[in-house]
Amino acid sequence: MRYLIISDLHSNWEALQAVLEDAAGKYEQILCCGDIVGYGSDPNPVVDWVRTHVQATVRGNHDRACVGLEDLEWFNPVAQAASIWTMTQLTEVNADFIRNLPMGPVTVGNFQLIHGSPVDEDDYLVSADDAVSAFPYAESSLLFFGHTHLQGGFRWRSDQVQAIGRLHPDWQTRYLLEIDPQCAYLINPGSVGQPRDSDPRAAYVLYDTEAELLYYHRVPYDVETTQRKIRDAGLPDLLAARLAVGR
C-alpha cells in the first residue's frame, strides 16, 4: 500500500492543494496526524476535503480547541483568537466531525498515527532526548506524528536515538528514507499549512509499505493568496506573516 501522510493542515487550502497536486498518482490512501483546523482562513473547505478523502486521522490540540474540547487558557493570544474565529465559522457537520475524531494512537496496518507523542497527545517531540523518553511507550515500531511542525523524526536502534535530517530549503524537494526492520521510528511528515522549520514550503510524506520506502517531500504553494485571505478574515497578522519564512 502507498500512503500519503499529512499533518497540521491548519485550514490552509492553498498549501493542501499544492500537496495534492505534487503527490498526484503516487498514493492509494491518505492519512492525517491531526490539527486540521486553527490558524488559517479556510476551515470548512479543508474539513470538507478531509471528511471525503482521508481514510484515517487523529485529533490535534487545535482541533479540540476549535470545537470547545480544549481550555483556551493554555493557548497564546494569537492561537486563542484563531480558535475563537474558527468556532464561529465551522459548519455543524464539520464541527461534529472534528469533535468525534479519535485521540490516537490509531493503528493502520503495521504502524500507528498519533498527534504529539506516544506518551501524551499534547507532548512535543523536538529533540533526541524527547524521543528517548517517548520510544518505550510506542506500541508499534513505526509511528507517524505531528504537532511540532518540524519535518523529520527519530530512529532508534540498539538503544541509540538519531534525529532524521531535514530537507535543505534551497535545493532539496524530497529525501528518501529506507525503513530498517531492526529499527523503530517516529516520523514527522511536517506541516502542510504552517511549517516552522525555516522552510515555508508545504511538507508531506509518501510511504510505500511493500518496498519499505519513505519519501519526505516539500512543495511551494501560493503563500501570498493564503496571507491575503488570513488578513481579509481579520485574523492576527502574525499568522499571515510567519508563512513567508516558515517559522
Protein backbone atom coordinates (compact mmCIF):
# COMPACT_ATOMS: atom_id res chain seq x y z
CA MET A 1 0.00 0.00 0.00
CA ARG A 2 1.18 3.51 -0.81
CA TYR A 3 0.15 6.21 1.65
CA LEU A 4 0.14 9.98 1.54
CA ILE A 5 0.67 11.06 5.15
CA ILE A 6 -0.01 14.65 6.17
CA SER A 7 -0.30 16.67 9.36
CA ASP A 8 -1.04 20.14 10.70
CA LEU A 9 -3.09 21.41 7.77
CA HIS A 10 -4.32 24.36 9.85
CA SER A 11 -7.05 25.49 7.46
CA ASN A 12 -4.55 26.32 4.70
CA TRP A 13 -6.35 25.46 1.48
CA GLU A 14 -3.64 26.65 -0.93
CA ALA A 15 -0.95 24.56 0.77
CA LEU A 16 -3.18 21.49 0.78
CA GLN A 17 -3.95 21.86 -2.91
CA ALA A 18 -0.24 22.15 -3.72
CA VAL A 19 0.50 18.94 -1.80
CA LEU A 20 -2.26 17.05 -3.58
CA GLU A 21 -1.09 18.23 -6.98
CA ASP A 22 2.53 17.32 -6.19
CA ALA A 23 1.61 13.86 -4.87
CA ALA A 24 -1.00 13.02 -7.52
CA GLY A 25 -0.81 9.42 -8.73
CA LYS A 26 1.75 8.40 -6.11
CA TYR A 27 -0.54 7.09 -3.35
CA GLU A 28 -3.61 4.94 -2.73
CA GLN A 29 -4.79 6.19 0.67
CA ILE A 30 -4.40 9.36 2.73
CA LEU A 31 -3.74 9.54 6.47
CA CYS A 32 -3.56 12.58 8.77
CA CYS A 33 -1.83 13.20 12.11
CA GLY A 34 -4.21 15.94 13.23
CA ASP A 35 -4.65 19.70 13.55
CA ILE A 36 -6.88 20.02 10.54
CA VAL A 37 -8.05 23.46 11.63
CA GLY A 38 -6.82 26.50 13.54
CA TYR A 39 -4.73 29.47 12.41
CA GLY A 40 -5.86 29.59 8.75
CA SER A 41 -8.84 31.12 6.97
CA ASP A 42 -10.37 28.08 5.22
CA PRO A 43 -11.55 25.66 7.92
CA ASN A 44 -14.64 24.42 6.11
CA PRO A 45 -13.07 23.65 2.71
CA VAL A 46 -10.23 21.80 4.45
CA VAL A 47 -12.52 19.80 6.76
CA ASP A 48 -14.89 19.03 3.88
CA TRP A 49 -11.92 17.59 1.98
CA VAL A 50 -10.67 15.57 4.97
CA ARG A 51 -14.11 14.09 5.59
CA THR A 52 -14.33 12.97 1.98
CA HIS A 53 -10.81 11.84 1.19
CA VAL A 54 -8.83 10.87 4.32
CA GLN A 55 -9.05 7.24 5.40
CA ALA A 56 -7.80 7.78 8.96
CA THR A 57 -6.93 10.78 11.10
CA VAL A 58 -6.36 11.62 14.75
CA ARG A 59 -7.33 14.78 16.56
CA GLY A 60 -4.88 17.57 17.33
CA ASN A 61 -4.91 20.15 20.10
CA HIS A 62 -6.20 22.86 17.74
CA ASP A 63 -8.94 20.53 16.54
CA ARG A 64 -10.07 20.16 20.14
CA ALA A 65 -9.81 23.89 20.80
CA CYS A 66 -11.87 24.85 17.78
CA VAL A 67 -14.86 22.73 18.87
CA GLY A 68 -14.81 23.54 22.58
CA LEU A 69 -12.99 20.43 23.83
CA GLU A 70 -9.88 22.32 24.98
CA ASP A 71 -9.46 25.12 27.53
CA LEU A 72 -8.19 28.09 25.54
CA GLU A 73 -6.25 29.50 28.51
CA TRP A 74 -3.42 27.13 27.52
CA PHE A 75 -3.15 28.85 24.14
CA ASN A 76 -1.26 32.05 23.38
CA PRO A 77 -3.39 35.08 22.39
CA VAL A 78 -2.88 34.54 18.66
CA ALA A 79 -3.92 30.89 18.83
CA GLN A 80 -6.87 31.82 21.06
CA ALA A 81 -8.10 34.41 18.57
CA ALA A 82 -7.80 31.96 15.68
CA SER A 83 -9.62 29.23 17.60
CA ILE A 84 -12.50 31.51 18.57
CA TRP A 85 -12.80 32.73 14.97
CA THR A 86 -12.79 29.15 13.67
CA MET A 87 -15.56 28.18 16.11
CA THR A 88 -17.78 30.83 14.53
CA GLN A 89 -17.02 29.59 11.00
CA LEU A 90 -17.31 25.80 11.20
CA THR A 91 -20.50 24.26 9.91
CA GLU A 92 -22.36 21.98 12.29
CA VAL A 93 -21.42 18.94 10.21
CA ASN A 94 -17.73 19.83 10.25
CA ALA A 95 -17.70 20.67 13.95
CA ASP A 96 -19.29 17.31 14.74
CA PHE A 97 -16.74 15.53 12.57
CA ILE A 98 -13.84 17.18 14.40
CA ARG A 99 -15.45 16.60 17.79
CA ASN A 100 -15.58 12.87 17.11
CA LEU A 101 -12.03 12.40 15.87
CA PRO A 102 -10.14 9.75 17.86
CA MET A 103 -7.39 10.73 20.27
CA GLY A 104 -4.83 8.32 18.89
CA PRO A 105 -2.88 6.23 18.54
CA VAL A 106 -4.82 4.91 15.55
CA THR A 107 -3.49 1.71 14.02
CA VAL A 108 -3.21 1.40 10.24
CA GLY A 109 -1.74 -1.89 9.10
CA ASN A 110 1.52 -2.38 11.00
CA PHE A 111 2.03 1.25 12.03
CA GLN A 112 0.24 3.96 14.00
CA LEU A 113 -0.80 7.60 13.84
CA ILE A 114 -0.51 9.95 16.80
CA HIS A 115 -0.57 13.72 17.09
CA GLY A 116 2.03 14.63 19.70
CA SER A 117 3.75 11.70 21.38
CA PRO A 118 3.02 8.10 22.40
CA VAL A 119 3.27 9.39 25.97
CA ASP A 120 0.65 12.13 25.58
CA GLU A 121 -1.17 13.58 22.59
CA ASP A 122 -0.06 17.08 23.57
CA ASP A 123 3.64 16.38 24.14
CA TYR A 124 6.17 17.84 21.71
CA LEU A 125 8.86 15.61 20.21
CA VAL A 126 11.51 18.12 19.21
CA SER A 127 14.86 16.70 20.34
CA ALA A 128 16.51 13.30 20.52
CA ASP A 129 16.14 13.48 24.31
CA ASP A 130 12.36 13.85 23.85
CA ALA A 131 12.38 10.78 21.60
CA VAL A 132 14.43 8.72 24.08
CA SER A 133 11.66 9.20 26.63
CA ALA A 134 8.89 8.50 24.11
CA PHE A 135 10.08 5.36 22.31
CA PRO A 136 9.42 2.97 25.26
CA TYR A 137 5.74 3.96 25.15
CA ALA A 138 5.35 3.23 21.44
CA GLU A 139 3.01 0.35 20.60
CA SER A 140 4.46 -0.04 17.10
CA SER A 141 7.94 0.13 15.61
CA LEU A 142 6.72 2.84 13.21
CA LEU A 143 4.68 5.82 14.35
CA PHE A 144 3.77 8.96 12.44
CA PHE A 145 3.28 12.12 14.49
CA GLY A 146 2.86 15.86 14.00
CA HIS A 147 2.33 18.78 16.40
CA THR A 148 5.81 20.35 16.18
CA HIS A 149 5.52 21.47 12.53
CA LEU A 150 9.09 20.21 12.06
CA GLN A 151 9.59 17.69 9.28
CA GLY A 152 11.91 14.83 10.19
CA GLY A 153 11.71 12.47 13.14
CA PHE A 154 13.83 9.96 15.01
CA ARG A 155 15.33 6.49 14.55
CA TRP A 156 16.00 4.13 17.48
CA ARG A 157 18.43 1.22 17.19
CA SER A 158 20.41 -0.59 19.87
CA ASP A 159 19.28 1.94 22.49
CA GLN A 160 20.63 4.83 20.44
CA VAL A 161 18.36 7.55 19.08
CA GLN A 162 19.27 9.56 15.99
CA ALA A 163 17.47 12.55 14.54
CA ILE A 164 16.44 12.18 10.91
CA GLY A 165 17.72 15.04 8.77
CA ARG A 166 15.54 17.68 7.15
CA LEU A 167 15.46 18.78 3.54
CA HIS A 168 17.57 21.75 2.53
CA PRO A 169 15.14 24.58 1.66
CA ASP A 170 17.26 25.92 -1.21
CA TRP A 171 17.56 22.79 -3.33
CA GLN A 172 16.02 19.60 -1.96
CA THR A 173 12.44 18.67 -2.80
CA ARG A 174 12.48 15.13 -1.44
CA TYR A 175 14.52 12.83 0.80
CA LEU A 176 14.44 9.02 0.77
CA LEU A 177 14.43 7.01 4.00
CA GLU A 178 14.69 3.22 3.86
CA ILE A 179 12.84 1.63 6.76
CA ASP A 180 15.17 -0.78 8.58
CA PRO A 181 13.24 -3.61 10.30
CA GLN A 182 15.89 -3.60 13.06
CA CYS A 183 14.97 -0.03 13.99
CA ALA A 184 11.99 1.79 15.47
CA TYR A 185 10.86 5.11 14.01
CA LEU A 186 8.99 8.23 15.00
CA ILE A 187 8.28 10.03 11.71
CA ASN A 188 7.01 13.59 11.40
CA PRO A 189 5.72 14.40 7.89
CA GLY A 190 5.96 18.10 8.71
CA SER A 191 3.21 20.67 8.46
CA VAL A 192 1.13 21.23 5.36
CA GLY A 193 -0.28 24.54 6.48
CA GLN A 194 2.21 26.22 8.79
CA PRO A 195 5.80 24.90 8.62
CA ARG A 196 8.14 26.04 11.39
CA ASP A 197 11.50 24.67 10.29
CA SER A 198 12.57 27.81 8.39
CA ASP A 199 11.28 26.29 5.15
CA PRO A 200 7.97 27.86 4.06
CA ARG A 201 7.15 25.06 1.61
CA ALA A 202 4.30 22.69 2.45
CA ALA A 203 5.51 19.35 3.82
CA TYR A 204 4.29 15.78 3.48
CA VAL A 205 5.43 12.14 3.38
CA LEU A 206 4.82 9.25 0.99
CA TYR A 207 5.20 5.78 2.48
CA ASP A 208 5.31 2.54 0.47
CA THR A 209 4.69 -0.34 2.87
CA GLU A 210 5.64 -3.04 0.37
CA ALA A 211 9.00 -1.54 -0.57
CA GLU A 212 9.56 -0.18 2.97
CA LEU A 213 10.50 3.20 1.49
CA LEU A 214 9.52 6.58 2.86
CA TYR A 215 9.91 9.86 0.99
CA TYR A 216 9.88 13.26 2.67
CA HIS A 217 8.61 15.95 0.29
CA ARG A 218 8.42 19.75 0.19
CA VAL A 219 6.43 21.78 -2.32
CA PRO A 220 5.96 25.55 -2.75
CA TYR A 221 2.45 26.99 -2.73
CA ASP A 222 0.68 30.31 -3.20
CA VAL A 223 1.66 31.86 0.14
CA GLU A 224 0.55 35.35 -0.93
CA THR A 225 -3.04 34.25 -1.51
CA THR A 226 -3.15 32.46 1.84
CA GLN A 227 -1.76 35.56 3.57
CA ARG A 228 -4.33 37.83 1.92
CA LYS A 229 -7.21 35.56 2.96
CA ILE A 230 -5.98 35.43 6.56
CA ARG A 231 -5.80 39.23 6.72
CA ASP A 232 -9.16 39.66 4.98
CA ALA A 233 -10.72 37.38 7.60
CA GLY A 234 -9.46 39.67 10.37
CA LEU A 235 -7.20 37.04 11.88
CA PRO A 236 -3.97 38.15 13.64
CA ASP A 237 -1.40 39.41 11.13
CA LEU A 238 1.32 37.20 12.64
CA LEU A 239 -0.48 34.17 11.20
CA ALA A 240 -0.02 35.59 7.72
CA ALA A 241 3.49 36.97 8.15
CA ARG A 242 5.04 33.79 9.53
CA LEU A 243 4.03 31.74 6.48
CA ALA A 244 6.57 33.57 4.29
CA VAL A 245 9.51 32.48 6.48
CA GLY A 246 8.33 29.12 7.77
CA ARG A 247 8.65 29.93 11.46
